Amino acid sequence: MTEGDIRKARKMLSNLQKSLREIVKRDPEQEVRGVAVPVLDAALGMVREALGDNPVVNAVGGVISVETIEAGEPLRASDVLLVVDMFLGALPTPAPALG
């Protein structure tokens, strides 16, 4: 994973974290549904692929996926927020930008 990839992933997850915190603050039981599911799956999948050797990331595996939700498993925003927090913690800290 390049420094640029790390920065992009960190920015994407930080934005997702911010949105999820707002949702959870309003309704802790709110479910993630609709168009948000494949977008979430793609975003987490990108980070999951980049951090594939991380045991925490591997534990998430297919728990949060379009297939899981289509099978009827509810996906609470608070659960997704926990995963996003873990993924952010697993990402290496990028080197400071020069210039």
PDB file of N, CA and C in Angstrom:
ATOM      1  N   MET A   1       0.862  -1.169   0.000  1.00  0.00           N
ATOM      2  CA  MET A   1       0.000   0.000   0.000  1.00  0.00           C
ATOM      3  C   MET A   1       0.910   1.233   0.000  1.00  0.00           C
ATOM      4  N   THR A   2       0.712   2.123  -0.957  1.00  0.00           N
ATOM      5  CA  THR A   2       1.548   3.321  -1.049  1.00  0.00           C
ATOM      6  C   THR A   2       1.083   4.372  -0.046  1.00  0.00           C
ATOM      7  N   GLU A   3       1.924   5.372   0.156  1.00  0.00           N
ATOM      8  CA  GLU A   3       1.551   6.478   1.056  1.00  0.00           C
ATOM      9  C   GLU A   3       0.260   7.138   0.574  1.00  0.00           C
ATOM     10  N   GLY A   4       0.146   7.307  -0.747  1.00  0.00           N
ATOM     11  CA  GLY A   4      -1.072   7.908  -1.309  1.00  0.00           C
ATOM     12  C   GLY A   4      -2.304   7.061  -1.033  1.00  0.00           C
ATOM     13  N   ASP A   5      -2.159   5.740  -1.158  1.00  0.00           N
ATOM     14  CA  ASP A   5      -3.270   4.829  -0.873  1.00  0.00           C
ATOM     15  C   ASP A   5      -3.673   4.902   0.597  1.00  0.00           C
ATOM     16  N   ILE A   6      -2.679   4.977   1.459  1.00  0.00           N
ATOM     17  CA  ILE A   6      -2.957   5.071   2.896  1.00  0.00           C
ATOM     18  C   ILE A   6      -3.730   6.354   3.194  1.00  0.00           C
ATOM     19  N   ARG A   7      -3.287   7.453   2.602  1.00  0.00           N
ATOM     20  CA  ARG A   7      -3.978   8.731   2.817  1.00  0.00           C
ATOM     21  C   ARG A   7      -5.419   8.679   2.309  1.00  0.00           C
ATOM     22  N   LYS A   8      -5.615   8.088   1.130  1.00  0.00           N
ATOM     23  CA  LYS A   8      -6.967   7.976   0.565  1.00  0.00           C
ATOM     24  C   LYS A   8      -7.851   7.108   1.457  1.00  0.00           C
ATOM     25  N   ALA A   9      -7.328   5.976   1.888  1.00  0.00           N
ATOM     26  CA  ALA A   9      -8.100   5.069   2.740  1.00  0.00           C
ATOM     27  C   ALA A   9      -8.440   5.733   4.067  1.00  0.00           C
ATOM     28  N   ARG A  10      -7.461   6.408   4.648  1.00  0.00           N
ATOM     29  CA  ARG A  10      -7.684   7.097   5.924  1.00  0.00           C
ATOM     30  C   ARG A  10      -8.755   8.184   5.766  1.00  0.00           C
ATOM     31  N   LYS A  11      -8.692   8.944   4.673  1.00  0.00           N
ATOM     32  CA  LYS A  11      -9.673  10.009   4.424  1.00  0.00           C
ATOM     33  C   LYS A  11     -11.066   9.412   4.240  1.00  0.00           C
ATOM     34  N   MET A  12     -11.153   8.344   3.441  1.00  0.00           N
ATOM     35  CA  MET A  12     -12.439   7.693   3.192  1.00  0.00           C
ATOM     36  C   MET A  12     -13.037   7.167   4.492  1.00  0.00           C
ATOM     37  N   LEU A  13     -12.225   6.474   5.287  1.00  0.00           N
ATOM     38  CA  LEU A  13     -12.714   5.930   6.546  1.00  0.00           C
ATOM     39  C   LEU A  13     -13.050   7.029   7.545  1.00  0.00           C
ATOM     40  N   SER A  14     -12.280   8.098   7.556  1.00  0.00           N
ATOM     41  CA  SER A  14     -12.575   9.217   8.466  1.00  0.00           C
ATOM     42  C   SER A  14     -13.916   9.862   8.117  1.00  0.00           C
ATOM     43  N   ASN A  15     -14.178  10.025   6.830  1.00  0.00           N
ATOM     44  CA  ASN A  15     -15.467  10.580   6.406  1.00  0.00           C
ATOM     45  C   ASN A  15     -16.607   9.643   6.791  1.00  0.00           C
ATOM     46  N   LEU A  16     -16.402   8.361   6.570  1.00  0.00           N
ATOM     47  CA  LEU A  16     -17.406   7.368   6.934  1.00  0.00           C
ATOM     48  C   LEU A  16     -17.637   7.371   8.438  1.00  0.00           C
ATOM     49  N   GLN A  17     -16.561   7.455   9.204  1.00  0.00           N
ATOM     50  CA  GLN A  17     -16.649   7.498  10.660  1.00  0.00           C
ATOM     51  C   GLN A  17     -17.473   8.694  11.125  1.00  0.00           C
ATOM     52  N   LYS A  18     -17.212   9.847  10.538  1.00  0.00           N
ATOM     53  CA  LYS A  18     -17.942  11.069  10.906  1.00  0.00           C
ATOM     54  C   LYS A  18     -19.437  10.908  10.628  1.00  0.00           C
ATOM     55  N   SER A  19     -19.771  10.397   9.450  1.00  0.00           N
ATOM     56  CA  SER A  19     -21.187  10.203   9.088  1.00  0.00           C
ATOM     57  C   SER A  19     -21.854   9.206  10.028  1.00  0.00           C
ATOM     58  N   LEU A  20     -21.173   8.104  10.298  1.00  0.00           N
ATOM     59  CA  LEU A  20     -21.743   7.083  11.172  1.00  0.00           C
ATOM     60  C   LEU A  20     -21.941   7.591  12.595  1.00  0.00           C
ATOM     61  N   ARG A  21     -21.005   8.390  13.077  1.00  0.00           N
ATOM     62  CA  ARG A  21     -21.164   8.948  14.431  1.00  0.00           C
ATOM     63  C   ARG A  21     -22.422   9.802  14.526  1.00  0.00           C
ATOM     64  N   GLU A  22     -22.683  10.590  13.503  1.00  0.00           N
ATOM     65  CA  GLU A  22     -23.897  11.420  13.490  1.00  0.00           C
ATOM     66  C   GLU A  22     -25.152  10.552  13.481  1.00  0.00           C
ATOM     67  N   ILE A  23     -25.135   9.504  12.668  1.00  0.00           N
ATOM     68  CA  ILE A  23     -26.289   8.604  12.584  1.00  0.00           C
ATOM     69  C   ILE A  23     -26.516   7.907  13.922  1.00  0.00           C
ATOM     70  N   VAL A  24     -25.454   7.393  14.503  1.00  0.00           N
ATOM     71  CA  VAL A  24     -25.554   6.661  15.770  1.00  0.00           C
ATOM     72  C   VAL A  24     -25.993   7.585  16.902  1.00  0.00           C
ATOM     73  N   LYS A  25     -25.558   8.835  16.848  1.00  0.00           N
ATOM     74  CA  LYS A  25     -25.972   9.799  17.873  1.00  0.00           C
ATOM     75  C   LYS A  25     -27.493  10.001  17.839  1.00  0.00           C
ATOM     76  N   ARG A  26     -28.059  10.039  16.642  1.00  0.00           N
ATOM     77  CA  ARG A  26     -29.513  10.223  16.506  1.00  0.00           C
ATOM     78  C   ARG A  26     -30.292   8.958  16.845  1.00  0.00           C
ATOM     79  N   ASP A  27     -29.759   7.800  16.379  1.00  0.00           N
ATOM     80  CA  ASP A  27     -30.474   6.542  16.575  1.00  0.00           C
ATOM     81  C   ASP A  27     -29.469   5.391  16.612  1.00  0.00           C
ATOM     82  N   PRO A  28     -29.111   4.910  17.791  1.00  0.00           N
ATOM     83  CA  PRO A  28     -28.116   3.844  17.906  1.00  0.00           C
ATOM     84  C   PRO A  28     -28.516   2.542  17.208  1.00  0.00           C
ATOM     85  N   GLU A  29     -29.794   2.351  16.969  1.00  0.00           N
ATOM     86  CA  GLU A  29     -30.267   1.123  16.326  1.00  0.00           C
ATOM     87  C   GLU A  29     -30.454   1.270  14.812  1.00  0.00           C
ATOM     88  N   GLN A  30     -30.131   2.427  14.270  1.00  0.00           N
ATOM     89  CA  GLN A  30     -30.301   2.667  12.834  1.00  0.00           C
ATOM     90  C   GLN A  30     -29.547   1.622  12.023  1.00  0.00           C
ATOM     91  N   GLU A  31     -30.209   1.081  11.002  1.00  0.00           N
ATOM     92  CA  GLU A  31     -29.575   0.093  10.135  1.00  0.00           C
ATOM     93  C   GLU A  31     -29.038   0.762   8.875  1.00  0.00           C
ATOM     94  N   VAL A  32     -27.972   0.192   8.347  1.00  0.00           N
ATOM     95  CA  VAL A  32     -27.410   0.637   7.076  1.00  0.00           C
ATOM     96  C   VAL A  32     -28.126  -0.153   5.995  1.00  0.00           C
ATOM     97  N   ARG A  33     -28.746   0.571   5.041  1.00  0.00           N
ATOM     98  CA  ARG A  33     -29.525  -0.097   3.999  1.00  0.00           C
ATOM     99  C   ARG A  33     -29.400   0.629   2.673  1.00  0.00           C
ATOM    100  N   GLY A  34     -30.025   0.050   1.671  1.00  0.00           N
ATOM    101  CA  GLY A  34     -30.126   0.688   0.361  1.00  0.00           C
ATOM    102  C   GLY A  34     -28.790   0.834  -0.338  1.00  0.00           C
ATOM    103  N   VAL A  35     -28.633   1.958  -1.013  1.00  0.00           N
ATOM    104  CA  VAL A  35     -27.432   2.215  -1.800  1.00  0.00           C
ATOM    105  C   VAL A  35     -26.185   2.307  -0.934  1.00  0.00           C
ATOM    106  N   ALA A  36     -26.355   2.577   0.346  1.00  0.00           N
ATOM    107  CA  ALA A  36     -25.205   2.675   1.246  1.00  0.00           C
ATOM    108  C   ALA A  36     -24.499   1.337   1.416  1.00  0.00           C
ATOM    109  N   VAL A  37     -25.212   0.238   1.263  1.00  0.00           N
ATOM    110  CA  VAL A  37     -24.621  -1.081   1.505  1.00  0.00           C
ATOM    111  C   VAL A  37     -23.516  -1.419   0.497  1.00  0.00           C
ATOM    112  N   PRO A  38     -23.761  -1.344  -0.817  1.00  0.00           N
ATOM    113  CA  PRO A  38     -22.667  -1.667  -1.731  1.00  0.00           C
ATOM    114  C   PRO A  38     -21.514  -0.671  -1.660  1.00  0.00           C
ATOM    115  N   VAL A  39     -21.817   0.586  -1.359  1.00  0.00           N
ATOM    116  CA  VAL A  39     -20.753   1.582  -1.211  1.00  0.00           C
ATOM    117  C   VAL A  39     -19.905   1.240   0.008  1.00  0.00           C
ATOM    118  N   LEU A  40     -20.553   0.928   1.100  1.00  0.00           N
ATOM    119  CA  LEU A  40     -19.846   0.526   2.315  1.00  0.00           C
ATOM    120  C   LEU A  40     -19.024  -0.730   2.070  1.00  0.00           C
ATOM    121  N   ASP A  41     -19.614  -1.704   1.407  1.00  0.00           N
ATOM    122  CA  ASP A  41     -18.921  -2.954   1.106  1.00  0.00           C
ATOM    123  C   ASP A  41     -17.663  -2.697   0.279  1.00  0.00           C
ATOM    124  N   ALA A  42     -17.764  -1.832  -0.722  1.00  0.00           N
ATOM    125  CA  ALA A  42     -16.612  -1.511  -1.576  1.00  0.00           C
ATOM    126  C   ALA A  42     -15.527  -0.784  -0.782  1.00  0.00           C
ATOM    127  N   ALA A  43     -15.941   0.175   0.038  1.00  0.00           N
ATOM    128  CA  ALA A  43     -14.974   0.951   0.820  1.00  0.00           C
ATOM    129  C   ALA A  43     -14.229   0.061   1.812  1.00  0.00           C
ATOM    130  N   LEU A  44     -14.956  -0.733   2.554  1.00  0.00           N
ATOM    131  CA  LEU A  44     -14.309  -1.616   3.525  1.00  0.00           C
ATOM    132  C   LEU A  44     -13.516  -2.714   2.824  1.00  0.00           C
ATOM    133  N   GLY A  45     -14.018  -3.157   1.668  1.00  0.00           N
ATOM    134  CA  GLY A  45     -13.306  -4.174   0.899  1.00  0.00           C
ATOM    135  C   GLY A  45     -11.944  -3.696   0.445  1.00  0.00           C
ATOM    136  N   MET A  46     -11.867  -2.441   0.036  1.00  0.00           N
ATOM    137  CA  MET A  46     -10.595  -1.868  -0.396  1.00  0.00           C
ATOM    138  C   MET A  46      -9.585  -1.888   0.755  1.00  0.00           C
ATOM    139  N   VAL A  47     -10.019  -1.466   1.915  1.00  0.00           N
ATOM    140  CA  VAL A  47      -9.130  -1.436   3.076  1.00  0.00           C
ATOM    141  C   VAL A  47      -8.822  -2.865   3.525  1.00  0.00           C
ATOM    142  N   ARG A  48      -9.818  -3.724   3.497  1.00  0.00           N
ATOM    143  CA  ARG A  48      -9.633  -5.128   3.889  1.00  0.00           C
ATOM    144  C   ARG A  48      -8.561  -5.785   3.016  1.00  0.00           C
ATOM    145  N   GLU A  49      -8.609  -5.507   1.724  1.00  0.00           N
ATOM    146  CA  GLU A  49      -7.629  -6.074   0.796  1.00  0.00           C
ATOM    147  C   GLU A  49      -6.225  -5.549   1.089  1.00  0.00           C
ATOM    148  N   ALA A  50      -6.134  -4.274   1.367  1.00  0.00           N
ATOM    149  CA  ALA A  50      -4.835  -3.661   1.632  1.00  0.00           C
ATOM    150  C   ALA A  50      -4.233  -4.143   2.946  1.00  0.00           C
ATOM    151  N   LEU A  51      -5.089  -4.478   3.903  1.00  0.00           N
ATOM    152  CA  LEU A  51      -4.618  -4.900   5.227  1.00  0.00           C
ATOM    153  C   LEU A  51      -4.885  -6.380   5.474  1.00  0.00           C
ATOM    154  N   GLY A  52      -4.841  -7.157   4.429  1.00  0.00           N
ATOM    155  CA  GLY A  52      -5.226  -8.571   4.496  1.00  0.00           C
ATOM    156  C   GLY A  52      -4.516  -9.404   5.528  1.00  0.00           C
ATOM    157  N   ASP A  53      -3.319  -9.036   5.941  1.00  0.00           N
ATOM    158  CA  ASP A  53      -2.585  -9.836   6.910  1.00  0.00           C
ATOM    159  C   ASP A  53      -2.893  -9.458   8.354  1.00  0.00           C
ATOM    160  N   ASN A  54      -3.838  -8.549   8.539  1.00  0.00           N
ATOM    161  CA  ASN A  54      -4.189  -8.088   9.881  1.00  0.00           C
ATOM    162  C   ASN A  54      -5.284  -8.988  10.457  1.00  0.00           C
ATOM    163  N   PRO A  55      -5.071  -9.600  11.634  1.00  0.00           N
ATOM    164  CA  PRO A  55      -6.066 -10.525  12.185  1.00  0.00           C
ATOM    165  C   PRO A  55      -7.412  -9.872  12.502  1.00  0.00           C
ATOM    166  N   VAL A  56      -7.400  -8.629  12.921  1.00  0.00           N
ATOM    167  CA  VAL A  56      -8.665  -7.935  13.209  1.00  0.00           C
ATOM    168  C   VAL A  56      -9.453  -7.735  11.921  1.00  0.00           C
ATOM    169  N   VAL A  57      -8.765  -7.308  10.880  1.00  0.00           N
ATOM    170  CA  VAL A  57      -9.410  -7.100   9.582  1.00  0.00           C
ATOM    171  C   VAL A  57      -9.906  -8.431   9.035  1.00  0.00           C
ATOM    172  N   ASN A  58      -9.110  -9.473   9.177  1.00  0.00           N
ATOM    173  CA  ASN A  58      -9.520 -10.793   8.696  1.00  0.00           C
ATOM    174  C   ASN A  58     -10.747 -11.309   9.443  1.00  0.00           C
ATOM    175  N   ALA A  59     -10.879 -10.966  10.712  1.00  0.00           N
ATOM    176  CA  ALA A  59     -12.024 -11.420  11.502  1.00  0.00           C
ATOM    177  C   ALA A  59     -13.329 -10.844  10.976  1.00  0.00           C
ATOM    178  N   VAL A  60     -13.262  -9.639  10.423  1.00  0.00           N
ATOM    179  CA  VAL A  60     -14.469  -9.020   9.868  1.00  0.00           C
ATOM    180  C   VAL A  60     -14.922  -9.803   8.647  1.00  0.00           C
ATOM    181  N   GLY A  61     -13.932 -10.226   7.835  1.00  0.00           N
ATOM    182  CA  GLY A  61     -14.208 -11.067   6.670  1.00  0.00           C
ATOM    183  C   GLY A  61     -15.467 -10.693   5.940  1.00  0.00           C
ATOM    184  N   GLY A  62     -16.356 -11.634   5.819  1.00  0.00           N
ATOM    185  CA  GLY A  62     -17.596 -11.412   5.094  1.00  0.00           C
ATOM    186  C   GLY A  62     -18.759 -11.018   5.983  1.00  0.00           C
ATOM    187  N   VAL A  63     -18.467 -10.581   7.210  1.00  0.00           N
ATOM    188  CA  VAL A  63     -19.542 -10.208   8.128  1.00  0.00           C
ATOM    189  C   VAL A  63     -20.306  -9.002   7.609  1.00  0.00           C
ATOM    190  N   ILE A  64     -19.576  -8.032   7.094  1.00  0.00           N
ATOM    191  CA  ILE A  64     -20.216  -6.852   6.520  1.00  0.00           C
ATOM    192  C   ILE A  64     -20.075  -6.950   5.015  1.00  0.00           C
ATOM    193  N   SER A  65     -21.152  -7.400   4.369  1.00  0.00           N
ATOM    194  CA  SER A  65     -21.142  -7.527   2.919  1.00  0.00           C
ATOM    195  C   SER A  65     -22.563  -7.441   2.393  1.00  0.00           C
ATOM    196  N   VAL A  66     -22.662  -7.188   1.102  1.00  0.00           N
ATOM    197  CA  VAL A  66     -23.970  -7.141   0.451  1.00  0.00           C
ATOM    198  C   VAL A  66     -24.669  -8.485   0.629  1.00  0.00           C
ATOM    199  N   GLU A  67     -23.922  -9.566   0.496  1.00  0.00           N
ATOM    200  CA  GLU A  67     -24.494 -10.913   0.606  1.00  0.00           C
ATOM    201  C   GLU A  67     -25.079 -11.160   1.995  1.00  0.00           C
ATOM    202  N   THR A  68     -24.379 -10.740   3.018  1.00  0.00           N
ATOM    203  CA  THR A  68     -24.857 -10.921   4.388  1.00  0.00           C
ATOM    204  C   THR A  68     -26.166 -10.178   4.599  1.00  0.00           C
ATOM    205  N   ILE A  69     -26.225  -8.965   4.101  1.00  0.00           N
ATOM    206  CA  ILE A  69     -27.423  -8.153   4.281  1.00  0.00           C
ATOM    207  C   ILE A  69     -28.578  -8.704   3.451  1.00  0.00           C
ATOM    208  N   GLU A  70     -28.277  -9.149   2.232  1.00  0.00           N
ATOM    209  CA  GLU A  70     -29.317  -9.751   1.396  1.00  0.00           C
ATOM    210  C   GLU A  70     -29.874 -11.021   2.033  1.00  0.00           C
ATOM    211  N   ALA A  71     -29.061 -11.685   2.846  1.00  0.00           N
ATOM    212  CA  ALA A  71     -29.504 -12.893   3.545  1.00  0.00           C
ATOM    213  C   ALA A  71     -30.393 -12.560   4.738  1.00  0.00           C
ATOM    214  N   GLY A  72     -30.585 -11.274   5.015  1.00  0.00           N
ATOM    215  CA  GLY A  72     -31.495 -10.864   6.066  1.00  0.00           C
ATOM    216  C   GLY A  72     -30.840 -10.425   7.352  1.00  0.00           C
ATOM    217  N   GLU A  73     -29.521 -10.421   7.392  1.00  0.00           N
ATOM    218  CA  GLU A  73     -28.829  -9.975   8.595  1.00  0.00           C
ATOM    219  C   GLU A  73     -28.873  -8.457   8.686  1.00  0.00           C
ATOM    220  N   PRO A  74     -29.390  -7.907   9.781  1.00  0.00           N
ATOM    221  CA  PRO A  74     -29.385  -6.449   9.926  1.00  0.00           C
ATOM    222  C   PRO A  74     -27.967  -5.940  10.145  1.00  0.00           C
ATOM    223  N   LEU A  75     -27.705  -4.759   9.655  1.00  0.00           N
ATOM    224  CA  LEU A  75     -26.382  -4.151   9.798  1.00  0.00           C
ATOM    225  C   LEU A  75     -26.578  -2.804  10.477  1.00  0.00           C
ATOM    226  N   ARG A  76     -26.353  -2.789  11.786  1.00  0.00           N
ATOM    227  CA  ARG A  76     -26.535  -1.560  12.545  1.00  0.00           C
ATOM    228  C   ARG A  76     -25.377  -0.605  12.306  1.00  0.00           C
ATOM    229  N   ALA A  77     -25.704   0.671  12.225  1.00  0.00           N
ATOM    230  CA  ALA A  77     -24.679   1.697  12.021  1.00  0.00           C
ATOM    231  C   ALA A  77     -23.651   1.667  13.138  1.00  0.00           C
ATOM    232  N   SER A  78     -24.066   1.357  14.364  1.00  0.00           N
ATOM    233  CA  SER A  78     -23.115   1.308  15.474  1.00  0.00           C
ATOM    234  C   SER A  78     -22.103   0.181  15.296  1.00  0.00           C
ATOM    235  N   ASP A  79     -22.530  -0.948  14.713  1.00  0.00           N
ATOM    236  CA  ASP A  79     -21.604  -2.045  14.438  1.00  0.00           C
ATOM    237  C   ASP A  79     -20.609  -1.656  13.343  1.00  0.00           C
ATOM    238  N   VAL A  80     -21.117  -0.990  12.312  1.00  0.00           N
ATOM    239  CA  VAL A  80     -20.247  -0.543  11.224  1.00  0.00           C
ATOM    240  C   VAL A  80     -19.241   0.475  11.753  1.00  0.00           C
ATOM    241  N   LEU A  81     -19.680   1.353  12.629  1.00  0.00           N
ATOM    242  CA  LEU A  81     -18.786   2.349  13.214  1.00  0.00           C
ATOM    243  C   LEU A  81     -17.640   1.663  13.974  1.00  0.00           C
ATOM    244  N   LEU A  82     -17.948   0.619  14.706  1.00  0.00           N
ATOM    245  CA  LEU A  82     -16.919  -0.136  15.416  1.00  0.00           C
ATOM    246  C   LEU A  82     -15.882  -0.691  14.436  1.00  0.00           C
ATOM    247  N   VAL A  83     -16.350  -1.248  13.323  1.00  0.00           N
ATOM    248  CA  VAL A  83     -15.445  -1.798  12.313  1.00  0.00           C
ATOM    249  C   VAL A  83     -14.603  -0.695  11.676  1.00  0.00           C
ATOM    250  N   VAL A  84     -15.232   0.429  11.357  1.00  0.00           N
ATOM    251  CA  VAL A  84     -14.492   1.552  10.774  1.00  0.00           C
ATOM    252  C   VAL A  84     -13.416   2.036  11.743  1.00  0.00           C
ATOM    253  N   ASP A  85     -13.750   2.130  13.012  1.00  0.00           N
ATOM    254  CA  ASP A  85     -12.765   2.530  14.020  1.00  0.00           C
ATOM    255  C   ASP A  85     -11.588   1.548  14.051  1.00  0.00           C
ATOM    256  N   MET A  86     -11.875   0.249  13.994  1.00  0.00           N
ATOM    257  CA  MET A  86     -10.819  -0.758  14.012  1.00  0.00           C
ATOM    258  C   MET A  86      -9.951  -0.666  12.754  1.00  0.00           C
ATOM    259  N   PHE A  87     -10.587  -0.470  11.603  1.00  0.00           N
ATOM    260  CA  PHE A  87      -9.841  -0.364  10.351  1.00  0.00           C
ATOM    261  C   PHE A  87      -8.944   0.871  10.372  1.00  0.00           C
ATOM    262  N   LEU A  88      -9.462   1.989  10.884  1.00  0.00           N
ATOM    263  CA  LEU A  88      -8.628   3.191  10.978  1.00  0.00           C
ATOM    264  C   LEU A  88      -7.415   2.941  11.869  1.00  0.00           C
ATOM    265  N   GLY A  89      -7.629   2.236  12.953  1.00  0.00           N
ATOM    266  CA  GLY A  89      -6.525   1.916  13.847  1.00  0.00           C
ATOM    267  C   GLY A  89      -5.513   0.961  13.237  1.00  0.00           C
ATOM    268  N   ALA A  90      -5.965   0.125  12.310  1.00  0.00           N
ATOM    269  CA  ALA A  90      -5.073  -0.849  11.675  1.00  0.00           C
ATOM    270  C   ALA A  90      -4.240  -0.242  10.545  1.00  0.00           C
ATOM    271  N   LEU A  91      -4.716   0.869   9.996  1.00  0.00           N
ATOM    272  CA  LEU A  91      -3.958   1.506   8.906  1.00  0.00           C
ATOM    273  C   LEU A  91      -2.666   2.091   9.443  1.00  0.00           C
ATOM    274  N   PRO A  92      -1.584   1.918   8.697  1.00  0.00           N
ATOM    275  CA  PRO A  92      -0.343   2.544   9.138  1.00  0.00           C
ATOM    276  C   PRO A  92      -0.474   4.071   9.071  1.00  0.00           C
ATOM    277  N   THR A  93       0.217   4.752   9.943  1.00  0.00           N
ATOM    278  CA  THR A  93       0.205   6.204   9.932  1.00  0.00           C
ATOM    279  C   THR A  93       1.084   6.664   8.764  1.00  0.00           C
ATOM    280  N   PRO A  94       0.518   7.481   7.853  1.00  0.00           N
ATOM    281  CA  PRO A  94       1.340   7.922   6.724  1.00  0.00           C
ATOM    282  C   PRO A  94       2.424   8.873   7.177  1.00  0.00           C
ATOM    283  N   ALA A  95       3.483   8.906   6.410  1.00  0.00           N
ATOM    284  CA  ALA A  95       4.567   9.847   6.677  1.00  0.00           C
ATOM    285  C   ALA A  95       4.032  11.260   6.495  1.00  0.00           C
ATOM    286  N   PRO A  96       4.551  12.223   7.252  1.00  0.00           N
ATOM    287  CA  PRO A  96       4.083  13.598   7.090  1.00  0.00           C
ATOM    288  C   PRO A  96       4.339  14.096   5.659  1.00  0.00           C
ATOM    289  N   ALA A  97       3.366  14.848   5.140  1.00  0.00           N
ATOM    290  CA  ALA A  97       3.512  15.407   3.797  1.00  0.00           C
ATOM    291  C   ALA A  97       4.606  16.466   3.798  1.00  0.00           C
ATOM    292  N   LEU A  98       5.432  16.436   2.792  1.00  0.00           N
ATOM    293  CA  LEU A  98       6.502  17.402   2.677  1.00  0.00           C
ATOM    294  C   LEU A  98       6.049  18.606   1.870  1.00  0.00           C
ATOM    295  N   GLY A  99       6.525  19.756   2.225  1.00  0.00           N
ATOM    296  CA  GLY A  99       6.260  20.955   1.446  1.00  0.00           C
ATOM    297  C   GLY A  99       5.119  21.680   1.950  1.00  0.00           C
TER     298      GLY A  99
END
